[in-house]
């Protein structure tokens, strides 16, 4: 995999990732941090392929959109930075069979107050997944 680190406020590390068509590609290297908020909302979406969380026993994560074990275009979860980072270790990308070359992943992270309602602005980041044919 080729990696290019990109930084932003709450999104600590995001990489450009290289994947092969028809294979599961871990979205490794993505972490979140926010020293002034105990609870965050993570919104992760993909333009052409699908994303999936492969671990169904993620303690403390609340799903707003999506679920574990199902390929989907959008997953929105709420949890602590630690809980979200554990979930991020289990994200898998799957390329679309009709779209090869480049896909785009969008991440949005936002503070959540004590009543589990979001407030403030999202920190956002986009990164590419380059997809190669298996020869």
Protein backbone atom coordinates (compact mmCIF):
# COMPACT_ATOMS: atom_id res chain seq x y z
CA UNK A 1 0.00 0.00 0.00
CA UNK A 2 1.15 3.51 -0.76
CA UNK A 3 0.52 5.99 2.05
CA UNK A 4 0.49 9.77 2.14
CA UNK A 5 -0.24 11.28 5.58
CA UNK A 6 -2.67 14.20 5.75
CA UNK A 7 -3.47 16.06 8.99
CA UNK A 8 -6.41 18.10 10.32
CA UNK A 9 -7.70 19.10 13.80
CA UNK A 10 -9.66 16.08 15.04
CA UNK A 11 -8.61 13.71 12.26
CA UNK A 12 -5.09 12.90 13.35
CA UNK A 13 -3.91 10.66 10.54
CA UNK A 14 -5.39 9.81 7.17
CA UNK A 15 -3.55 8.06 4.38
CA UNK A 16 -3.93 7.76 0.65
CA UNK A 17 -4.45 4.03 0.21
CA UNK A 18 -3.82 1.67 -2.71
CA UNK A 19 -6.11 -1.36 -3.12
CA UNK A 20 -6.67 -4.13 -5.64
CA UNK A 21 -10.06 -4.74 -7.26
CA UNK A 22 -12.21 -7.42 -5.67
CA UNK A 23 -10.21 -7.56 -2.43
CA UNK A 24 -10.99 -6.32 1.06
CA UNK A 25 -8.81 -3.32 1.83
CA UNK A 26 -8.38 -2.24 5.47
CA UNK A 27 -8.66 1.51 5.98
CA UNK A 28 -5.56 1.53 8.18
CA UNK A 29 -3.97 4.61 9.67
CA UNK A 30 -7.08 6.68 10.37
CA UNK A 31 -7.37 7.98 13.94
CA UNK A 32 -9.32 10.71 15.70
CA UNK A 33 -8.47 12.80 18.76
CA UNK A 34 -10.09 15.74 20.50
CA UNK A 35 -8.73 16.77 23.90
CA UNK A 36 -11.71 19.00 24.75
CA UNK A 37 -14.53 16.57 23.94
CA UNK A 38 -15.29 13.19 25.49
CA UNK A 39 -17.76 12.13 22.79
CA UNK A 40 -17.40 12.49 19.02
CA UNK A 41 -19.50 11.73 15.96
CA UNK A 42 -17.70 10.14 13.00
CA UNK A 43 -19.32 10.21 9.56
CA UNK A 44 -17.46 8.08 7.00
CA UNK A 45 -18.70 7.78 3.42
CA UNK A 46 -17.37 6.43 0.15
CA UNK A 47 -18.26 7.64 -3.33
CA UNK A 48 -18.26 4.45 -5.44
CA UNK A 49 -17.33 1.36 -3.45
CA UNK A 50 -18.55 0.21 -0.05
CA UNK A 51 -17.29 0.34 3.52
CA UNK A 52 -17.94 -2.15 6.27
CA UNK A 53 -17.09 -2.60 9.94
CA UNK A 54 -16.03 -6.21 10.46
CA UNK A 55 -16.23 -6.39 14.28
CA UNK A 56 -19.70 -6.70 15.76
CA UNK A 57 -18.55 -6.47 19.39
CA UNK A 58 -17.46 -2.83 19.48
CA UNK A 59 -18.11 -1.69 23.03
CA UNK A 60 -19.61 1.77 23.52
CA UNK A 61 -20.17 2.63 19.84
CA UNK A 62 -23.63 3.87 18.90
CA UNK A 63 -24.68 3.61 15.24
CA UNK A 64 -26.61 6.56 13.85
CA UNK A 65 -26.38 5.27 10.26
CA UNK A 66 -25.28 1.82 9.10
CA UNK A 67 -24.33 -1.27 11.12
CA UNK A 68 -21.61 -3.88 11.46
CA UNK A 69 -21.15 -6.63 8.91
CA UNK A 70 -23.01 -4.95 6.04
CA UNK A 71 -21.32 -3.26 3.04
CA UNK A 72 -22.66 0.29 2.75
CA UNK A 73 -21.85 3.76 1.40
CA UNK A 74 -22.21 5.63 4.72
CA UNK A 75 -21.51 4.81 8.36
CA UNK A 76 -22.15 7.30 11.18
CA UNK A 77 -21.11 6.39 14.72
CA UNK A 78 -20.90 8.14 18.09
CA UNK A 79 -18.42 7.26 20.83
CA UNK A 80 -15.30 8.37 22.67
CA UNK A 81 -12.11 8.95 20.69
CA UNK A 82 -10.81 5.62 21.99
CA UNK A 83 -13.99 3.75 20.99
CA UNK A 84 -14.06 5.36 17.53
CA UNK A 85 -10.37 4.58 16.98
CA UNK A 86 -11.07 0.93 17.86
CA UNK A 87 -13.93 0.92 15.32
CA UNK A 88 -11.69 2.54 12.68
CA UNK A 89 -9.27 -0.40 12.99
CA UNK A 90 -12.12 -2.62 11.76
CA UNK A 91 -13.19 -0.60 8.69
CA UNK A 92 -12.85 -2.42 5.36
CA UNK A 93 -13.15 -0.85 1.91
CA UNK A 94 -14.50 -2.87 -1.05
CA UNK A 95 -14.22 -1.51 -4.57
CA UNK A 96 -17.16 -1.39 -6.93
CA UNK A 97 -16.97 -3.90 -9.78
CA UNK A 98 -17.98 -1.23 -12.28
CA UNK A 99 -15.79 1.60 -11.02
CA UNK A 100 -12.03 1.16 -11.02
CA UNK A 101 -9.19 3.68 -10.80
CA UNK A 102 -9.83 6.19 -7.97
CA UNK A 103 -12.47 6.29 -5.24
CA UNK A 104 -12.94 9.03 -2.69
CA UNK A 105 -13.56 8.63 1.04
CA UNK A 106 -14.96 11.49 3.10
CA UNK A 107 -14.58 11.70 6.88
CA UNK A 108 -16.40 14.16 9.09
CA UNK A 109 -15.79 14.42 12.85
CA UNK A 110 -17.81 16.54 15.25
CA UNK A 111 -18.12 17.09 19.01
CA UNK A 112 -21.19 15.63 20.72
CA UNK A 113 -22.45 17.16 23.96
CA UNK A 114 -23.58 15.26 27.07
CA UNK A 115 -27.14 14.80 25.74
CA UNK A 116 -25.79 13.03 22.60
CA UNK A 117 -26.75 15.86 20.30
CA UNK A 118 -24.15 17.26 17.97
CA UNK A 119 -23.04 20.85 17.95
CA UNK A 120 -20.44 22.98 16.26
CA UNK A 121 -18.75 22.41 12.95
CA UNK A 122 -17.40 19.23 11.46
CA UNK A 123 -13.72 18.76 10.79
CA UNK A 124 -13.64 17.18 7.36
CA UNK A 125 -11.09 15.35 5.28
CA UNK A 126 -11.18 13.56 1.96
CA UNK A 127 -8.67 11.05 0.73
CA UNK A 128 -8.34 8.85 -2.31
CA UNK A 129 -8.21 5.13 -2.65
CA UNK A 130 -6.44 4.09 -5.84
CA UNK A 131 -7.75 0.81 -7.20
CA UNK A 132 -5.67 -1.45 -9.45
CA UNK A 133 -6.72 -4.46 -11.46
CA UNK A 134 -5.31 -7.80 -10.41
CA UNK A 135 -3.20 -9.10 -13.28
